[in-house]
């Protein structure tokens, strides 16, 4: 016997918090400094002499709505590549209110997986330094 369909109340979606402009500027400045002092010297290496595989040529950061991304730019040296360069996001900070962020990383499936919640910016940068899955 088929079950009867019922209408159920759906709870409202949580409101999306927009980070204040002064916090966005502070995050951008500290993250760029972190990228210059740690990420770039650690992960950007000279191109191999007989390059056949993709390699990192730049690391940068950018805001998109309430998300702050750490991105890497790769060079594709293979002659049959579709494009000479491509970009990939490898870590994401999600603004959750106050001065707190959630950290996610990009899985091989193309989905973001949240791994840390409600951390300060300094704690986020330290986790990116320590955790290999948050590296490019």
C-alpha atoms as a PDB file:
ATOM      1  CA  UNK A   1       0.000   0.000   0.000  1.00  0.00           C
ATOM      2  CA  UNK A   2       1.517   3.345  -1.001  1.00  0.00           C
ATOM      3  CA  UNK A   3       2.324   5.774   1.757  1.00  0.00           C
ATOM      4  CA  UNK A   4       0.538   9.092   1.914  1.00  0.00           C
ATOM      5  CA  UNK A   5       2.527  12.158   1.026  1.00  0.00           C
ATOM      6  CA  UNK A   6       2.664  14.837   3.676  1.00  0.00           C
ATOM      7  CA  UNK A   7       3.743  18.423   3.748  1.00  0.00           C
ATOM      8  CA  UNK A   8       6.498  19.026   6.275  1.00  0.00           C
ATOM      9  CA  UNK A   9       7.813  22.372   7.468  1.00  0.00           C
ATOM     10  CA  UNK A  10      11.305  23.101   6.236  1.00  0.00           C
ATOM     11  CA  UNK A  11      13.531  25.030   8.611  1.00  0.00           C
ATOM     12  CA  UNK A  12      14.901  28.252   7.136  1.00  0.00           C
ATOM     13  CA  UNK A  13      18.436  28.176   5.778  1.00  0.00           C
ATOM     14  CA  UNK A  14      20.959  29.870   8.018  1.00  0.00           C
ATOM     15  CA  UNK A  15      21.720  33.394   6.925  1.00  0.00           C
ATOM     16  CA  UNK A  16      24.938  33.836   5.030  1.00  0.00           C
ATOM     17  CA  UNK A  17      27.226  36.169   6.943  1.00  0.00           C
ATOM     18  CA  UNK A  18      29.165  38.686   4.916  1.00  0.00           C
ATOM     19  CA  UNK A  19      32.604  39.554   6.306  1.00  0.00           C
ATOM     20  CA  UNK A  20      33.180  43.238   7.093  1.00  0.00           C
ATOM     21  CA  UNK A  21      35.500  45.103   4.731  1.00  0.00           C
ATOM     22  CA  UNK A  22      38.130  45.809   7.406  1.00  0.00           C
ATOM     23  CA  UNK A  23      38.332  42.072   8.236  1.00  0.00           C
ATOM     24  CA  UNK A  24      38.596  41.204   4.536  1.00  0.00           C
ATOM     25  CA  UNK A  25      41.541  43.583   4.167  1.00  0.00           C
ATOM     26  CA  UNK A  26      43.249  42.187   7.283  1.00  0.00           C
ATOM     27  CA  UNK A  27      42.792  38.578   6.127  1.00  0.00           C
ATOM     28  CA  UNK A  28      44.050  39.420   2.627  1.00  0.00           C
ATOM     29  CA  UNK A  29      47.136  41.165   4.007  1.00  0.00           C
ATOM     30  CA  UNK A  30      48.088  38.430   6.501  1.00  0.00           C
ATOM     31  CA  UNK A  31      47.375  35.596   4.062  1.00  0.00           C
ATOM     32  CA  UNK A  32      49.441  37.244   1.316  1.00  0.00           C
ATOM     33  CA  UNK A  33      52.295  37.660   3.773  1.00  0.00           C
ATOM     34  CA  UNK A  34      51.934  33.982   4.772  1.00  0.00           C
ATOM     35  CA  UNK A  35      51.949  32.943   1.102  1.00  0.00           C
ATOM     36  CA  UNK A  36      55.100  34.990   0.413  1.00  0.00           C
ATOM     37  CA  UNK A  37      56.990  33.852   3.514  1.00  0.00           C
ATOM     38  CA  UNK A  38      55.998  30.175   3.709  1.00  0.00           C
ATOM     39  CA  UNK A  39      53.904  28.770   0.860  1.00  0.00           C
ATOM     40  CA  UNK A  40      55.860  30.111  -2.113  1.00  0.00           C
ATOM     41  CA  UNK A  41      59.365  29.245  -0.833  1.00  0.00           C
ATOM     42  CA  UNK A  42      58.169  25.777   0.225  1.00  0.00           C
ATOM     43  CA  UNK A  43      56.087  24.707  -2.780  1.00  0.00           C
ATOM     44  CA  UNK A  44      57.377  26.674  -5.775  1.00  0.00           C
ATOM     45  CA  UNK A  45      60.462  24.885  -7.007  1.00  0.00           C
ATOM     46  CA  UNK A  46      62.547  25.504 -10.127  1.00  0.00           C
ATOM     47  CA  UNK A  47      61.099  23.751 -13.173  1.00  0.00           C
ATOM     48  CA  UNK A  48      62.610  20.338 -13.845  1.00  0.00           C
ATOM     49  CA  UNK A  49      64.968  20.100 -16.806  1.00  0.00           C
ATOM     50  CA  UNK A  50      62.968  17.417 -18.626  1.00  0.00           C
ATOM     51  CA  UNK A  51      59.532  18.514 -17.403  1.00  0.00           C
ATOM     52  CA  UNK A  52      56.759  16.080 -18.287  1.00  0.00           C
ATOM     53  CA  UNK A  53      54.407  16.687 -15.371  1.00  0.00           C
ATOM     54  CA  UNK A  54      52.549  19.720 -14.076  1.00  0.00           C
ATOM     55  CA  UNK A  55      54.375  21.850 -11.520  1.00  0.00           C
ATOM     56  CA  UNK A  56      53.478  24.840  -9.326  1.00  0.00           C
ATOM     57  CA  UNK A  57      54.563  28.243 -10.644  1.00  0.00           C
ATOM     58  CA  UNK A  58      52.589  30.608  -8.385  1.00  0.00           C
ATOM     59  CA  UNK A  59      50.505  30.698  -5.205  1.00  0.00           C
ATOM     60  CA  UNK A  60      47.972  33.448  -4.546  1.00  0.00           C
ATOM     61  CA  UNK A  61      44.878  34.254  -2.502  1.00  0.00           C
ATOM     62  CA  UNK A  62      41.479  35.740  -3.262  1.00  0.00           C
ATOM     63  CA  UNK A  63      38.069  36.445  -1.763  1.00  0.00           C
ATOM     64  CA  UNK A  64      34.808  35.261  -3.275  1.00  0.00           C
ATOM     65  CA  UNK A  65      31.710  36.231  -1.288  1.00  0.00           C
ATOM     66  CA  UNK A  66      32.231  34.878   2.249  1.00  0.00           C
ATOM     67  CA  UNK A  67      34.998  32.467   1.224  1.00  0.00           C
ATOM     68  CA  UNK A  68      38.720  33.161   1.154  1.00  0.00           C
ATOM     69  CA  UNK A  69      40.731  30.855  -1.106  1.00  0.00           C
ATOM     70  CA  UNK A  70      44.368  29.802  -1.299  1.00  0.00           C
ATOM     71  CA  UNK A  71      45.080  29.016  -4.951  1.00  0.00           C
ATOM     72  CA  UNK A  72      47.969  27.580  -6.920  1.00  0.00           C
ATOM     73  CA  UNK A  73      48.855  28.118 -10.565  1.00  0.00           C
ATOM     74  CA  UNK A  74      50.364  25.177 -12.431  1.00  0.00           C
ATOM     75  CA  UNK A  75      52.376  24.973 -15.631  1.00  0.00           C
ATOM     76  CA  UNK A  76      51.613  22.124 -18.036  1.00  0.00           C
ATOM     77  CA  UNK A  77      54.813  21.439 -20.017  1.00  0.00           C
ATOM     78  CA  UNK A  78      53.553  18.441 -22.000  1.00  0.00           C
ATOM     79  CA  UNK A  79      53.205  19.191 -25.735  1.00  0.00           C
ATOM     80  CA  UNK A  80      49.684  17.740 -25.915  1.00  0.00           C
ATOM     81  CA  UNK A  81      48.285  19.777 -23.012  1.00  0.00           C
ATOM     82  CA  UNK A  82      45.023  21.648 -23.476  1.00  0.00           C
ATOM     83  CA  UNK A  83      46.310  24.813 -21.810  1.00  0.00           C
ATOM     84  CA  UNK A  84      49.792  25.958 -20.833  1.00  0.00           C
ATOM     85  CA  UNK A  85      48.595  26.959 -17.327  1.00  0.00           C
ATOM     86  CA  UNK A  86      45.713  26.167 -14.977  1.00  0.00           C
ATOM     87  CA  UNK A  87      44.664  27.273 -11.510  1.00  0.00           C
ATOM     88  CA  UNK A  88      43.520  25.138  -8.601  1.00  0.00           C
ATOM     89  CA  UNK A  89      42.091  26.085  -5.200  1.00  0.00           C
ATOM     90  CA  UNK A  90      43.592  23.999  -2.431  1.00  0.00           C
ATOM     91  CA  UNK A  91      42.351  25.532   0.857  1.00  0.00           C
ATOM     92  CA  UNK A  92      39.303  27.593   1.791  1.00  0.00           C
ATOM     93  CA  UNK A  93      38.445  29.741   4.801  1.00  0.00           C
ATOM     94  CA  UNK A  94      34.730  30.280   5.345  1.00  0.00           C
ATOM     95  CA  UNK A  95      33.703  33.302   7.388  1.00  0.00           C
ATOM     96  CA  UNK A  96      31.336  32.213  10.187  1.00  0.00           C
ATOM     97  CA  UNK A  97      31.028  35.391  12.251  1.00  0.00           C
ATOM     98  CA  UNK A  98      33.086  37.472  14.622  1.00  0.00           C
ATOM     99  CA  UNK A  99      36.654  36.847  13.536  1.00  0.00           C
ATOM    100  CA  UNK A 100      36.229  33.091  13.151  1.00  0.00           C
ATOM    101  CA  UNK A 101      36.613  30.829  10.118  1.00  0.00           C
ATOM    102  CA  UNK A 102      36.060  27.215   9.113  1.00  0.00           C
ATOM    103  CA  UNK A 103      38.803  25.544   7.051  1.00  0.00           C
ATOM    104  CA  UNK A 104      38.103  23.190   4.155  1.00  0.00           C
ATOM    105  CA  UNK A 105      40.289  21.458   1.600  1.00  0.00           C
ATOM    106  CA  UNK A 106      39.539  20.380  -1.950  1.00  0.00           C
ATOM    107  CA  UNK A 107      39.183  16.607  -2.193  1.00  0.00           C
ATOM    108  CA  UNK A 108      40.109  14.599  -5.277  1.00  0.00           C
ATOM    109  CA  UNK A 109      36.360  14.343  -5.947  1.00  0.00           C
ATOM    110  CA  UNK A 110      36.065  18.093  -6.514  1.00  0.00           C
ATOM    111  CA  UNK A 111      34.141  18.600  -3.246  1.00  0.00           C
ATOM    112  CA  UNK A 112      35.190  20.788  -0.329  1.00  0.00           C
ATOM    113  CA  UNK A 113      35.604  18.925   2.969  1.00  0.00           C
ATOM    114  CA  UNK A 114      35.450  20.991   6.164  1.00  0.00           C
ATOM    115  CA  UNK A 115      38.103  19.886   8.662  1.00  0.00           C
ATOM    116  CA  UNK A 116      38.381  22.665  11.279  1.00  0.00           C
ATOM    117  CA  UNK A 117      35.694  24.932  12.683  1.00  0.00           C
ATOM    118  CA  UNK A 118      35.579  28.357  14.288  1.00  0.00           C
ATOM    119  CA  UNK A 119      39.294  29.153  14.310  1.00  0.00           C
ATOM    120  CA  UNK A 120      40.920  32.566  14.391  1.00  0.00           C
ATOM    121  CA  UNK A 121      42.909  33.696  11.368  1.00  0.00           C
ATOM    122  CA  UNK A 122      46.215  32.932  13.098  1.00  0.00           C
ATOM    123  CA  UNK A 123      45.013  29.433  13.985  1.00  0.00           C
ATOM    124  CA  UNK A 124      43.889  28.909  10.378  1.00  0.00           C
ATOM    125  CA  UNK A 125      47.279  29.897   8.987  1.00  0.00           C
ATOM    126  CA  UNK A 126      49.024  27.608  11.483  1.00  0.00           C
ATOM    127  CA  UNK A 127      46.809  24.666  10.455  1.00  0.00           C
ATOM    128  CA  UNK A 128      47.560  25.346   6.783  1.00  0.00           C
ATOM    129  CA  UNK A 129      51.265  25.268   7.645  1.00  0.00           C
ATOM    130  CA  UNK A 130      50.974  22.000   9.642  1.00  0.00           C
ATOM    131  CA  UNK A 131      48.455  19.891   7.718  1.00  0.00           C
ATOM    132  CA  UNK A 132      49.636  18.336   4.444  1.00  0.00           C
ATOM    133  CA  UNK A 133      46.118  17.967   3.059  1.00  0.00           C
ATOM    134  CA  UNK A 134      45.849  21.780   3.097  1.00  0.00           C
ATOM    135  CA  UNK A 135      48.936  22.158   0.878  1.00  0.00           C
ATOM    136  CA  UNK A 136      48.940  22.638  -2.913  1.00  0.00           C
END
